[in-house]
Amino acid sequence: STACAAEVGAQVIAADVASDDQLEELRALGVAMIQGPIVGDPLTVAELSGNPPPTRFKTRDPDTESPNIEVSPPSTSLREAET
């Protein structure tokens, strides 16, 4: 759980997130990072050495949505989630 992870200074990373519904559920559970098709397609090392494709961003309603999820450029193994 995210609470157990936080107790030891770790973060939960959800894999294979493919839909907005999954993203919203994970956000509600306090998951800080995701990877999967909703963020972008997997990239090869060769693709990463050049200019990676743009990452998808979503706007959030500051009155109803938490700002605890961020997006960063893809890496070879993980992608951080979006707000």
Foldseek 3Di string as FASTA:
>chain_A
DQVVQVVVPHADEAEADDDPVSVVVCQVVVHAFYDHPQFHDADDPVCVVDDHDDTDEDDDDVVPGDQRWPFDDDDNPGTTGYD
